[in-house]
Amino acid sequence: MFSVATYNVHRCIGRDRRRDPDRVRRVLHELDARIVGLQEVESALPEEGPHLLALAQQDGFHVVSGPTLIHPGENGYGNALLLSAPPLSVRRHDLSVAGREPRGALDVTVGIDGSPLRVIVTHLGLRVDERRRQFTQLLEVLGDCRDMATVLLGDFNEWRPRTRALRDIARALTDSPSVRTYPARRPLFALDRIWVSAHLQQHAVAAHSSGWALSASDHLPLKARLELL
């Protein structure tokens, strides 16, 4: 058994509108997960700090960045994966829709207990038509999941519980428990999801609602215990 989590860190800006990467770092310590997918995270620039990904490296995580927005002279911004072991392979997929904010998926293979595990982290768009296209692209990225244990996690911005897109992903993988994670203080919407292939079983899927988590971001992290079958 091992733990995974997904967490939209909102640029490490909390309910008090203060940017505090160390506060998010405390939440990561509480999660104690071997794999954490992050969204809305800034990539570190050496001359600036502290940055969450740099702090994660100090804590022993192997960090894989998947920035989707990069402006000259500024930090990259997008997705990232924190791993307890070095990645075996890394792919980055463009899920952008013209006229909308750039989006992407970070597709990484890592070794877990002697077996390869594919982990995909993403953050989908805000408009229904945009997400519909991105879910279709994700299904193409997933392909045939029979050959390798696969985890798909992230902020899918899909608050409607029984959409066709969610059903299509569940058919390609397995059903994902609907857990409310947004807004952090009084969660109403299950925007964050963890799906797994038939090689895995999920246990104890829950939002992490500690005192630090309630203040560190506008989302609560979602955590699951996974078992390789």
Protein backbone atom coordinates (compact mmCIF):
# COMPACT_ATOMS: atom_id res chain seq x y z
CA MET A 1 0.00 0.00 0.00
CA PHE A 2 1.13 3.54 -0.70
CA SER A 3 -0.43 6.99 -0.62
CA VAL A 4 -1.02 9.48 -3.43
CA ALA A 5 -2.50 12.96 -3.29
CA THR A 6 -3.54 15.80 -5.55
CA TYR A 7 -3.42 19.41 -4.42
CA ASN A 8 -4.20 22.71 -6.13
CA VAL A 9 -1.92 25.01 -4.16
CA HIS A 10 -3.22 28.28 -5.69
CA ARG A 11 0.31 29.71 -6.07
CA CYS A 12 0.69 29.08 -2.31
CA ILE A 13 -1.72 31.96 -1.63
CA GLY A 14 -3.97 31.17 1.31
CA ARG A 15 -7.32 32.41 2.61
CA ASP A 16 -5.55 35.43 4.09
CA ARG A 17 -4.30 36.35 0.57
CA ARG A 18 -0.74 35.87 1.74
CA ARG A 19 1.73 33.82 -0.31
CA ASP A 20 3.38 31.30 2.03
CA PRO A 21 5.09 28.26 0.46
CA ASP A 22 6.17 27.01 3.88
CA ARG A 23 2.53 26.71 4.92
CA VAL A 24 1.86 24.44 1.93
CA ARG A 25 5.03 22.55 2.80
CA ARG A 26 3.55 21.78 6.22
CA VAL A 27 0.46 20.35 4.53
CA LEU A 28 2.66 18.12 2.35
CA HIS A 29 4.37 16.83 5.49
CA GLU A 30 0.97 16.00 6.97
CA LEU A 31 -0.10 14.14 3.82
CA ASP A 32 2.96 11.88 3.99
CA ALA A 33 2.27 10.65 0.43
CA ARG A 34 4.79 9.02 -1.89
CA ILE A 35 3.29 10.76 -4.93
CA VAL A 36 1.72 14.23 -4.94
CA GLY A 37 0.31 15.96 -8.03
CA LEU A 38 0.29 19.74 -7.77
CA GLN A 39 -1.61 22.36 -9.73
CA GLU A 40 -1.23 26.14 -9.88
CA VAL A 41 2.36 25.81 -8.69
CA GLU A 42 5.21 28.13 -9.60
CA SER A 43 8.52 26.73 -10.78
CA ALA A 44 11.53 28.00 -8.84
CA LEU A 45 13.96 30.59 -10.14
CA PRO A 46 17.41 30.28 -8.50
CA GLU A 47 17.61 33.97 -7.57
CA GLU A 48 14.22 34.02 -5.87
CA GLY A 49 12.81 32.17 -2.95
CA PRO A 50 11.52 30.39 -1.17
CA HIS A 51 9.63 28.37 -3.76
CA LEU A 52 7.53 25.33 -3.01
CA LEU A 53 9.31 23.04 -5.48
CA ALA A 54 12.71 24.01 -4.11
CA LEU A 55 11.45 23.30 -0.59
CA ALA A 56 10.08 19.95 -1.75
CA GLN A 57 13.50 19.02 -3.12
CA GLN A 58 15.05 19.89 0.22
CA ASP A 59 12.56 17.49 1.81
CA GLY A 60 13.76 14.63 -0.40
CA PHE A 61 11.14 14.68 -3.15
CA HIS A 62 12.09 14.18 -6.77
CA VAL A 63 10.38 17.07 -8.56
CA VAL A 64 9.04 16.97 -12.13
CA SER A 65 7.69 20.30 -13.42
CA GLY A 66 5.04 20.72 -16.09
CA PRO A 67 4.67 24.49 -16.54
CA THR A 68 1.91 25.60 -18.90
CA LEU A 69 2.43 29.37 -18.60
CA ILE A 70 5.90 30.86 -18.96
CA HIS A 71 6.51 34.61 -19.26
CA PRO A 72 10.00 36.11 -19.82
CA GLY A 73 11.57 37.03 -16.50
CA GLU A 74 8.85 35.29 -14.49
CA ASN A 75 8.31 31.89 -12.95
CA GLY A 76 6.84 29.04 -14.91
CA TYR A 77 3.36 28.14 -13.69
CA GLY A 78 1.30 24.98 -14.02
CA ASN A 79 1.52 21.37 -12.86
CA ALA A 80 4.16 19.39 -11.00
CA LEU A 81 4.72 15.95 -9.54
CA LEU A 82 6.50 15.24 -6.28
CA LEU A 83 7.85 11.69 -6.16
CA SER A 84 9.55 9.60 -3.50
CA ALA A 85 11.66 7.91 -6.23
CA PRO A 86 13.26 9.31 -9.39
CA PRO A 87 11.10 9.20 -12.53
CA LEU A 88 11.75 6.51 -15.13
CA SER A 89 10.24 8.55 -17.97
CA VAL A 90 8.60 11.95 -18.45
CA ARG A 91 6.20 13.19 -21.13
CA ARG A 92 4.37 16.50 -21.34
CA HIS A 93 1.11 16.78 -23.26
CA ASP A 94 -0.44 20.02 -24.51
CA LEU A 95 -4.16 20.21 -23.72
CA SER A 96 -4.57 23.87 -24.65
CA VAL A 97 -7.68 25.17 -26.39
CA ALA A 98 -7.30 28.24 -28.62
CA GLY A 99 -8.31 31.45 -26.91
CA ARG A 100 -8.18 29.97 -23.42
CA GLU A 101 -5.47 29.70 -20.76
CA PRO A 102 -2.82 27.12 -21.76
CA ARG A 103 -3.32 23.73 -20.13
CA GLY A 104 -1.29 20.54 -20.08
CA ALA A 105 -0.82 17.09 -18.59
CA LEU A 106 2.35 15.77 -17.00
CA ASP A 107 2.78 12.05 -17.75
CA VAL A 108 5.43 10.28 -15.65
CA THR A 109 6.42 6.67 -15.04
CA VAL A 110 7.91 5.86 -11.64
CA GLY A 111 8.89 2.65 -9.87
CA ILE A 112 6.72 1.69 -6.88
CA ASP A 113 7.61 -1.43 -4.87
CA GLY A 114 9.43 -2.91 -7.87
CA SER A 115 6.63 -2.26 -10.37
CA PRO A 116 6.22 0.57 -12.91
CA LEU A 117 3.43 3.04 -12.22
CA ARG A 118 2.19 5.64 -14.68
CA VAL A 119 1.02 8.90 -13.09
CA ILE A 120 -0.73 11.67 -15.01
CA VAL A 121 -1.46 15.03 -13.38
CA THR A 122 -3.46 17.80 -15.01
CA HIS A 123 -5.59 20.90 -14.45
CA LEU A 124 -8.46 21.40 -16.88
CA GLY A 125 -10.15 24.58 -18.03
CA LEU A 126 -13.05 26.56 -16.63
CA ARG A 127 -15.51 26.39 -19.56
CA VAL A 128 -17.68 23.37 -20.34
CA ASP A 129 -16.78 23.20 -24.05
CA GLU A 130 -13.09 23.59 -23.21
CA ARG A 131 -13.16 20.73 -20.69
CA ARG A 132 -15.08 18.50 -23.09
CA ARG A 133 -12.25 18.76 -25.62
CA GLN A 134 -9.62 18.28 -22.92
CA PHE A 135 -11.30 15.14 -21.58
CA THR A 136 -11.27 13.74 -25.13
CA GLN A 137 -7.56 14.53 -25.38
CA LEU A 138 -6.95 12.88 -22.01
CA LEU A 139 -8.62 9.68 -23.21
CA GLU A 140 -6.21 9.67 -26.17
CA VAL A 141 -3.27 10.22 -23.80
CA LEU A 142 -4.42 7.38 -21.57
CA GLY A 143 -4.74 4.93 -24.47
CA ASP A 144 -5.00 1.30 -23.45
CA CYS A 145 -4.39 1.08 -19.69
CA ARG A 146 -4.23 -2.71 -19.55
CA ASP A 147 -0.44 -2.92 -19.73
CA MET A 148 0.56 -0.72 -16.79
CA ALA A 149 -0.90 0.44 -13.50
CA THR A 150 -2.07 4.02 -14.05
CA VAL A 151 -3.15 6.91 -11.83
CA LEU A 152 -4.88 10.01 -13.22
CA LEU A 153 -5.21 12.87 -10.77
CA GLY A 154 -5.63 16.63 -10.67
CA ASP A 155 -8.08 19.51 -10.62
CA PHE A 156 -10.65 18.77 -13.33
CA ASN A 157 -12.89 21.78 -12.63
CA GLU A 158 -15.91 19.53 -13.23
CA TRP A 159 -18.50 20.20 -10.53
CA ARG A 160 -21.37 18.38 -12.26
CA PRO A 161 -21.29 14.85 -10.80
CA ARG A 162 -22.55 12.65 -13.68
CA THR A 163 -21.28 14.22 -16.89
CA ARG A 164 -20.47 12.10 -19.92
CA ALA A 165 -16.80 13.12 -19.62
CA LEU A 166 -16.53 11.73 -16.09
CA ARG A 167 -18.27 8.53 -17.15
CA ASP A 168 -15.89 8.11 -20.11
CA ILE A 169 -12.83 8.45 -17.84
CA ALA A 170 -14.37 5.99 -15.35
CA ARG A 171 -14.85 3.45 -18.16
CA ALA A 172 -11.22 3.83 -19.26
CA LEU A 173 -9.99 3.51 -15.67
CA THR A 174 -12.26 2.83 -12.68
CA ASP A 175 -14.82 5.01 -10.94
CA SER A 176 -13.53 7.89 -8.82
CA PRO A 177 -15.13 8.75 -5.48
CA SER A 178 -16.68 12.22 -5.49
CA VAL A 179 -15.14 14.13 -2.57
CA ARG A 180 -15.76 17.82 -1.99
CA THR A 181 -12.52 19.82 -1.88
CA TYR A 182 -13.46 23.37 -2.91
CA PRO A 183 -13.62 25.94 -1.43
CA ALA A 184 -11.34 24.81 1.35
CA ARG A 185 -13.18 26.39 4.27
CA ARG A 186 -16.60 24.93 3.39
CA PRO A 187 -16.16 22.49 0.50
CA LEU A 188 -19.11 22.34 -1.90
CA PHE A 189 -17.59 21.00 -5.13
CA ALA A 190 -15.64 17.83 -5.99
CA LEU A 191 -13.24 19.50 -8.43
CA ASP A 192 -10.23 17.34 -7.53
CA ARG A 193 -10.18 13.66 -8.51
CA ILE A 194 -8.08 10.51 -8.36
CA TRP A 195 -8.76 7.75 -10.90
CA VAL A 196 -6.86 4.45 -11.06
CA SER A 197 -6.64 1.60 -13.55
CA ALA A 198 -7.86 -1.94 -12.78
CA HIS A 199 -4.36 -2.84 -11.53
CA LEU A 200 -5.00 -0.76 -8.41
CA GLN A 201 -7.55 -0.48 -5.66
CA GLN A 202 -8.31 2.75 -3.82
CA HIS A 203 -8.76 2.90 -0.06
CA ALA A 204 -9.60 5.77 2.30
CA VAL A 205 -10.15 8.45 -0.34
CA ALA A 206 -10.67 11.68 1.58
CA ALA A 207 -10.04 15.40 1.65
CA HIS A 208 -7.29 16.44 4.07
CA SER A 209 -8.76 19.19 6.24
CA SER A 210 -6.18 19.99 8.91
CA GLY A 211 -5.79 23.50 10.27
CA TRP A 212 -2.90 24.16 7.90
CA ALA A 213 -4.84 22.81 4.90
CA LEU A 214 -7.81 25.05 5.69
CA SER A 215 -5.62 28.13 5.43
CA ALA A 216 -2.86 27.28 2.91
CA SER A 217 -4.87 27.28 -0.36
CA ASP A 218 -8.40 27.66 -1.71
CA HIS A 219 -8.54 23.87 -2.32
CA LEU A 220 -8.16 21.02 0.15
CA PRO A 221 -5.76 18.25 -0.91
CA LEU A 222 -7.34 14.94 -1.86
CA LYS A 223 -5.54 11.79 -0.68
CA ALA A 224 -5.97 8.06 -1.34
CA ARG A 225 -4.28 4.86 -0.25
CA LEU A 226 -3.58 2.62 -3.23
CA GLU A 227 -2.97 -1.11 -3.36
CA LEU A 228 -1.35 -2.90 -6.29
CA LEU A 229 -3.44 -5.94 -7.20
